[in-house]
């Protein structure tokens, strides 16, 4: 039986209940090559190793990058909570009280990057797991403004955005997997799988150092099933 790398599974594993919770979530679909589906909305069913191999390798170019070219955080459903707050609410282990303008009180979160419990949402940053600058370098420079906005506010892909301590988010900045990994070593396999899934979802390249790093990390991980819904 296979295994899925998910942010929820990583969090449950750190808490100590992952094995039981994951057992009923494992899929039975046969793996297929990531390159067999290339239309937005298609679901790619593959494995971690195959997904890494399927990512195109190309040099990166940051020419023209400005963070403002990725509009965020928006309130897409106009419920008063912007993308950042939606992620924080979704990832709460204990839900906070929510007041006017999405003000929050109380709550409990686990920052997966460093395995730290957070009791005040003010101590959280919401990180683009594949940073905006990295996305620009590896293909997003050629996107439309609307595509970059969708990337920057991707609530449809649970792996794209993650609530973590501000300290680890600042440490990571815009580094890729060859330059930075989360302090929590037990999260590295999930981090590499999520990175690969996001690059696959958005049709982004990896450079050679990034490819080498992903292969190195994955060599210590199970070749788990990876499902990705393509965005473009």
Foldseek 3Di string as FASTA:
>chain_A
DFFEQDPVLLVCVLVPRNVVVGPVVDDDDDADQLPPDDDFQDKHKHWLVRLLVPFAADFFDLPPDDPVLQDDQADVVPPLATLFLVQVQVQFPAHFDADHSRDTDFTWHAASLARDIDTDLVQKDKAQLQHLSNQCRFPCVPPDSVVSNCLVRVPVDNLGIHIHGPVVCVVCPNPALLVDGRPPLSCLLSSLLSVSQSCSQEVTHHHPSNSVSSVVSCVPPDRGMYMHRHRD
